[in-house]
Amino acid sequence: MIRVQKGMNVNYLGRLGKILVIDEQEQFALFESYNSHKQYAVPLEELEEIEAQLPLSLESSRY
């Protein structure tokens, strides 16, 4: 299964954004949309499933 990483670009609910923080203990990631700058707490399992179906972000952003 794909490993979600901080800085990774992700397409979540039709919104392109970036993973800001990963909470390994709670198994959640904080995702921020590039356009609206809204933030979402997303289960890591859900992000990994999305990433497996729509490979978009194997490269982490360098910013």
PDB file of N, CA and C in Angstrom:
ATOM      1  N   MET A   1       0.847  -1.185   0.000  1.00  0.00           N
ATOM      2  CA  MET A   1       0.000   0.000   0.000  1.00  0.00           C
ATOM      3  C   MET A   1       0.892   1.248   0.000  1.00  0.00           C
ATOM      4  N   ILE A   2       0.396   2.331  -0.582  1.00  0.00           N
ATOM      5  CA  ILE A   2       1.114   3.590  -0.694  1.00  0.00           C
ATOM      6  C   ILE A   2       1.290   4.205   0.689  1.00  0.00           C
ATOM      7  N   ARG A   3       2.458   4.749   0.940  1.00  0.00           N
ATOM      8  CA  ARG A   3       2.743   5.411   2.213  1.00  0.00           C
ATOM      9  C   ARG A   3       2.561   6.916   2.045  1.00  0.00           C
ATOM     10  N   VAL A   4       1.623   7.507   2.773  1.00  0.00           N
ATOM     11  CA  VAL A   4       1.373   8.943   2.721  1.00  0.00           C
ATOM     12  C   VAL A   4       2.464   9.648   3.521  1.00  0.00           C
ATOM     13  N   GLN A   5       2.986  10.749   2.967  1.00  0.00           N
ATOM     14  CA  GLN A   5       4.071  11.483   3.616  1.00  0.00           C
ATOM     15  C   GLN A   5       3.750  12.969   3.695  1.00  0.00           C
ATOM     16  N   LYS A   6       4.335  13.624   4.687  1.00  0.00           N
ATOM     17  CA  LYS A   6       4.203  15.073   4.827  1.00  0.00           C
ATOM     18  C   LYS A   6       4.772  15.742   3.576  1.00  0.00           C
ATOM     19  N   GLY A   7       4.078  16.749   3.081  1.00  0.00           N
ATOM     20  CA  GLY A   7       4.529  17.469   1.898  1.00  0.00           C
ATOM     21  C   GLY A   7       4.015  16.889   0.596  1.00  0.00           C
ATOM     22  N   MET A   8       3.354  15.742   0.674  1.00  0.00           N
ATOM     23  CA  MET A   8       2.851  15.060  -0.513  1.00  0.00           C
ATOM     24  C   MET A   8       1.659  15.820  -1.095  1.00  0.00           C
ATOM     25  N   ASN A   9       1.596  15.909  -2.409  1.00  0.00           N
ATOM     26  CA  ASN A   9       0.442  16.495  -3.099  1.00  0.00           C
ATOM     27  C   ASN A   9      -0.620  15.417  -3.249  1.00  0.00           C
ATOM     28  N   VAL A  10      -1.867  15.787  -2.938  1.00  0.00           N
ATOM     29  CA  VAL A  10      -2.950  14.808  -2.943  1.00  0.00           C
ATOM     30  C   VAL A  10      -4.205  15.432  -3.553  1.00  0.00           C
ATOM     31  N   ASN A  11      -5.002  14.617  -4.218  1.00  0.00           N
ATOM     32  CA  ASN A  11      -6.310  15.033  -4.719  1.00  0.00           C
ATOM     33  C   ASN A  11      -7.344  14.418  -3.783  1.00  0.00           C
ATOM     34  N   TYR A  12      -7.953  15.236  -2.923  1.00  0.00           N
ATOM     35  CA  TYR A  12      -8.926  14.757  -1.942  1.00  0.00           C
ATOM     36  C   TYR A  12     -10.264  15.446  -2.190  1.00  0.00           C
ATOM     37  N   LEU A  13     -11.307  14.671  -2.420  1.00  0.00           N
ATOM     38  CA  LEU A  13     -12.654  15.180  -2.689  1.00  0.00           C
ATOM     39  C   LEU A  13     -12.656  16.196  -3.828  1.00  0.00           C
ATOM     40  N   GLY A  14     -11.856  15.927  -4.846  1.00  0.00           N
ATOM     41  CA  GLY A  14     -11.800  16.815  -6.001  1.00  0.00           C
ATOM     42  C   GLY A  14     -10.986  18.068  -5.783  1.00  0.00           C
ATOM     43  N   ARG A  15     -10.300  18.145  -4.662  1.00  0.00           N
ATOM     44  CA  ARG A  15      -9.490  19.322  -4.348  1.00  0.00           C
ATOM     45  C   ARG A  15      -8.015  18.927  -4.324  1.00  0.00           C
ATOM     46  N   LEU A  16      -7.207  19.656  -5.052  1.00  0.00           N
ATOM     47  CA  LEU A  16      -5.773  19.417  -5.045  1.00  0.00           C
ATOM     48  C   LEU A  16      -5.177  20.165  -3.869  1.00  0.00           C
ATOM     49  N   GLY A  17      -4.337  19.485  -3.108  1.00  0.00           N
ATOM     50  CA  GLY A  17      -3.742  20.120  -1.941  1.00  0.00           C
ATOM     51  C   GLY A  17      -2.520  19.371  -1.468  1.00  0.00           C
ATOM     52  N   LYS A  18      -2.135  19.669  -0.243  1.00  0.00           N
ATOM     53  CA  LYS A  18      -0.889  19.157   0.310  1.00  0.00           C
ATOM     54  C   LYS A  18      -1.109  18.619   1.722  1.00  0.00           C
ATOM     55  N   ILE A  19      -0.378  17.570   2.058  1.00  0.00           N
ATOM     56  CA  ILE A  19      -0.391  17.033   3.415  1.00  0.00           C
ATOM     57  C   ILE A  19       0.515  17.905   4.275  1.00  0.00           C
ATOM     58  N   LEU A  20      -0.045  18.496   5.340  1.00  0.00           N
ATOM     59  CA  LEU A  20       0.728  19.380   6.208  1.00  0.00           C
ATOM     60  C   LEU A  20       1.325  18.645   7.399  1.00  0.00           C
ATOM     61  N   VAL A  21       0.523  17.785   8.018  1.00  0.00           N
ATOM     62  CA  VAL A  21       0.927  17.092   9.240  1.00  0.00           C
ATOM     63  C   VAL A  21       0.367  15.683   9.213  1.00  0.00           C
ATOM     64  N   ILE A  22       1.129  14.746   9.751  1.00  0.00           N
ATOM     65  CA  ILE A  22       0.644  13.369   9.895  1.00  0.00           C
ATOM     66  C   ILE A  22       0.707  12.993  11.370  1.00  0.00           C
ATOM     67  N   ASP A  23      -0.408  12.526  11.898  1.00  0.00           N
ATOM     68  CA  ASP A  23      -0.477  12.045  13.279  1.00  0.00           C
ATOM     69  C   ASP A  23      -0.493  10.522  13.226  1.00  0.00           C
ATOM     70  N   GLU A  24       0.665   9.923  13.432  1.00  0.00           N
ATOM     71  CA  GLU A  24       0.794   8.463  13.346  1.00  0.00           C
ATOM     72  C   GLU A  24      -0.027   7.763  14.426  1.00  0.00           C
ATOM     73  N   GLN A  25      -0.090   8.348  15.604  1.00  0.00           N
ATOM     74  CA  GLN A  25      -0.806   7.715  16.714  1.00  0.00           C
ATOM     75  C   GLN A  25      -2.307   7.644  16.439  1.00  0.00           C
ATOM     76  N   GLU A  26      -2.882   8.739  15.974  1.00  0.00           N
ATOM     77  CA  GLU A  26      -4.320   8.787  15.695  1.00  0.00           C
ATOM     78  C   GLU A  26      -4.661   8.325  14.284  1.00  0.00           C
ATOM     79  N   GLN A  27      -3.646   8.159  13.431  1.00  0.00           N
ATOM     80  CA  GLN A  27      -3.820   7.707  12.041  1.00  0.00           C
ATOM     81  C   GLN A  27      -4.635   8.693  11.204  1.00  0.00           C
ATOM     82  N   PHE A  28      -4.316   9.988  11.356  1.00  0.00           N
ATOM     83  CA  PHE A  28      -4.948  11.048  10.579  1.00  0.00           C
ATOM     84  C   PHE A  28      -3.881  11.934   9.960  1.00  0.00           C
ATOM     85  N   ALA A  29      -4.251  12.592   8.861  1.00  0.00           N
ATOM     86  CA  ALA A  29      -3.375  13.572   8.223  1.00  0.00           C
ATOM     87  C   ALA A  29      -4.142  14.880   8.101  1.00  0.00           C
ATOM     88  N   LEU A  30      -3.425  15.996   8.209  1.00  0.00           N
ATOM     89  CA  LEU A  30      -4.023  17.305   7.991  1.00  0.00           C
ATOM     90  C   LEU A  30      -3.731  17.700   6.552  1.00  0.00           C
ATOM     91  N   PHE A  31      -4.795  17.875   5.780  1.00  0.00           N
ATOM     92  CA  PHE A  31      -4.720  18.203   4.360  1.00  0.00           C
ATOM     93  C   PHE A  31      -5.187  19.640   4.167  1.00  0.00           C
ATOM     94  N   GLU A  32      -4.458  20.423   3.343  1.00  0.00           N
ATOM     95  CA  GLU A  32      -4.887  21.781   3.022  1.00  0.00           C
ATOM     96  C   GLU A  32      -5.056  21.926   1.520  1.00  0.00           C
ATOM     97  N   SER A  33      -6.216  22.436   1.116  1.00  0.00           N
ATOM     98  CA  SER A  33      -6.522  22.671  -0.294  1.00  0.00           C
ATOM     99  C   SER A  33      -5.714  23.864  -0.795  1.00  0.00           C
ATOM    100  N   TYR A  34      -5.155  23.752  -2.003  1.00  0.00           N
ATOM    101  CA  TYR A  34      -4.396  24.860  -2.586  1.00  0.00           C
ATOM    102  C   TYR A  34      -5.286  26.055  -2.904  1.00  0.00           C
ATOM    103  N   ASN A  35      -6.478  25.819  -3.445  1.00  0.00           N
ATOM    104  CA  ASN A  35      -7.344  26.924  -3.875  1.00  0.00           C
ATOM    105  C   ASN A  35      -8.036  27.631  -2.716  1.00  0.00           C
ATOM    106  N   SER A  36      -8.710  26.882  -1.870  1.00  0.00           N
ATOM    107  CA  SER A  36      -9.505  27.499  -0.803  1.00  0.00           C
ATOM    108  C   SER A  36      -8.735  27.639   0.507  1.00  0.00           C
ATOM    109  N   HIS A  37      -7.632  26.948   0.637  1.00  0.00           N
ATOM    110  CA  HIS A  37      -6.819  26.922   1.860  1.00  0.00           C
ATOM    111  C   HIS A  37      -7.586  26.357   3.049  1.00  0.00           C
ATOM    112  N   LYS A  38      -8.675  25.628   2.772  1.00  0.00           N
ATOM    113  CA  LYS A  38      -9.395  24.938   3.841  1.00  0.00           C
ATOM    114  C   LYS A  38      -8.587  23.717   4.247  1.00  0.00           C
ATOM    115  N   GLN A  39      -8.679  23.381   5.530  1.00  0.00           N
ATOM    116  CA  GLN A  39      -7.946  22.236   6.044  1.00  0.00           C
ATOM    117  C   GLN A  39      -8.916  21.151   6.488  1.00  0.00           C
ATOM    118  N   TYR A  40      -8.512  19.908   6.260  1.00  0.00           N
ATOM    119  CA  TYR A  40      -9.337  18.747   6.576  1.00  0.00           C
ATOM    120  C   TYR A  40      -8.488  17.715   7.313  1.00  0.00           C
ATOM    121  N   ALA A  41      -9.060  17.114   8.352  1.00  0.00           N
ATOM    122  CA  ALA A  41      -8.432  15.967   9.005  1.00  0.00           C
ATOM    123  C   ALA A  41      -8.950  14.728   8.286  1.00  0.00           C
ATOM    124  N   VAL A  42      -8.040  13.975   7.693  1.00  0.00           N
ATOM    125  CA  VAL A  42      -8.419  12.844   6.850  1.00  0.00           C
ATOM    126  C   VAL A  42      -7.745  11.575   7.377  1.00  0.00           C
ATOM    127  N   PRO A  43      -8.499  10.478   7.517  1.00  0.00           N
ATOM    128  CA  PRO A  43      -7.881   9.216   7.940  1.00  0.00           C
ATOM    129  C   PRO A  43      -6.794   8.790   6.942  1.00  0.00           C
ATOM    130  N   LEU A  44      -5.660   8.355   7.453  1.00  0.00           N
ATOM    131  CA  LEU A  44      -4.562   7.918   6.585  1.00  0.00           C
ATOM    132  C   LEU A  44      -4.996   6.796   5.654  1.00  0.00           C
ATOM    133  N   GLU A  45      -5.804   5.892   6.158  1.00  0.00           N
ATOM    134  CA  GLU A  45      -6.269   4.767   5.338  1.00  0.00           C
ATOM    135  C   GLU A  45      -7.027   5.269   4.103  1.00  0.00           C
ATOM    136  N   GLU A  46      -7.851   6.291   4.298  1.00  0.00           N
ATOM    137  CA  GLU A  46      -8.619   6.860   3.184  1.00  0.00           C
ATOM    138  C   GLU A  46      -7.686   7.505   2.154  1.00  0.00           C
ATOM    139  N   LEU A  47      -6.685   8.241   2.620  1.00  0.00           N
ATOM    140  CA  LEU A  47      -5.727   8.864   1.695  1.00  0.00           C
ATOM    141  C   LEU A  47      -4.930   7.819   0.929  1.00  0.00           C
ATOM    142  N   GLU A  48      -4.558   6.743   1.605  1.00  0.00           N
ATOM    143  CA  GLU A  48      -3.798   5.682   0.939  1.00  0.00           C
ATOM    144  C   GLU A  48      -4.632   5.001  -0.140  1.00  0.00           C
ATOM    145  N   GLU A  49      -5.929   4.824   0.115  1.00  0.00           N
ATOM    146  CA  GLU A  49      -6.818   4.235  -0.895  1.00  0.00           C
ATOM    147  C   GLU A  49      -6.959   5.161  -2.104  1.00  0.00           C
ATOM    148  N   ILE A  50      -7.133   6.453  -1.842  1.00  0.00           N
ATOM    149  CA  ILE A  50      -7.240   7.436  -2.929  1.00  0.00           C
ATOM    150  C   ILE A  50      -5.960   7.444  -3.738  1.00  0.00           C
ATOM    151  N   GLU A  51      -4.838   7.452  -3.079  1.00  0.00           N
ATOM    152  CA  GLU A  51      -3.539   7.514  -3.752  1.00  0.00           C
ATOM    153  C   GLU A  51      -3.303   6.275  -4.608  1.00  0.00           C
ATOM    154  N   ALA A  52      -3.782   5.125  -4.145  1.00  0.00           N
ATOM    155  CA  ALA A  52      -3.619   3.889  -4.919  1.00  0.00           C
ATOM    156  C   ALA A  52      -4.448   3.942  -6.204  1.00  0.00           C
ATOM    157  N   GLN A  53      -5.613   4.589  -6.149  1.00  0.00           N
ATOM    158  CA  GLN A  53      -6.489   4.684  -7.321  1.00  0.00           C
ATOM    159  C   GLN A  53      -6.074   5.804  -8.266  1.00  0.00           C
ATOM    160  N   LEU A  54      -5.618   6.915  -7.714  1.00  0.00           N
ATOM    161  CA  LEU A  54      -5.239   8.090  -8.509  1.00  0.00           C
ATOM    162  C   LEU A  54      -3.810   8.499  -8.171  1.00  0.00           C
ATOM    163  N   PRO A  55      -2.824   7.772  -8.658  1.00  0.00           N
ATOM    164  CA  PRO A  55      -1.443   8.110  -8.301  1.00  0.00           C
ATOM    165  C   PRO A  55      -1.080   9.504  -8.804  1.00  0.00           C
ATOM    166  N   LEU A  56      -0.924  10.415  -7.877  1.00  0.00           N
ATOM    167  CA  LEU A  56      -0.683  11.801  -8.225  1.00  0.00           C
ATOM    168  C   LEU A  56       0.592  12.308  -7.584  1.00  0.00           C
ATOM    169  N   SER A  57       0.909  11.797  -6.422  1.00  0.00           N
ATOM    170  CA  SER A  57       1.858  12.517  -5.599  1.00  0.00           C
ATOM    171  C   SER A  57       2.986  11.672  -5.034  1.00  0.00           C
ATOM    172  N   LEU A  58       3.548  10.825  -5.830  1.00  0.00           N
ATOM    173  CA  LEU A  58       4.666  10.053  -5.311  1.00  0.00           C
ATOM    174  C   LEU A  58       5.852  10.957  -4.994  1.00  0.00           C
ATOM    175  N   GLU A  59       5.890  12.127  -5.601  1.00  0.00           N
ATOM    176  CA  GLU A  59       6.951  13.079  -5.317  1.00  0.00           C
ATOM    177  C   GLU A  59       6.446  14.080  -4.288  1.00  0.00           C
ATOM    178  N   SER A  60       7.159  14.242  -3.200  1.00  0.00           N
ATOM    179  CA  SER A  60       6.794  15.255  -2.219  1.00  0.00           C
ATOM    180  C   SER A  60       7.265  16.613  -2.717  1.00  0.00           C
ATOM    181  N   SER A  61       6.518  17.618  -2.388  1.00  0.00           N
ATOM    182  CA  SER A  61       6.891  18.978  -2.769  1.00  0.00           C
ATOM    183  C   SER A  61       8.148  19.388  -2.014  1.00  0.00           C
ATOM    184  N   ARG A  62       8.953  20.194  -2.619  1.00  0.00           N
ATOM    185  CA  ARG A  62      10.197  20.647  -1.988  1.00  0.00           C
ATOM    186  C   ARG A  62      10.048  21.997  -1.301  1.00  0.00           C
ATOM    187  N   TYR A  63       8.843  22.552  -1.264  1.00  0.00           N
ATOM    188  CA  TYR A  63       8.651  23.886  -0.696  1.00  0.00           C
ATOM    189  C   TYR A  63       8.588  23.853   0.800  1.00  0.00           C
TER     190      TYR A  63
END
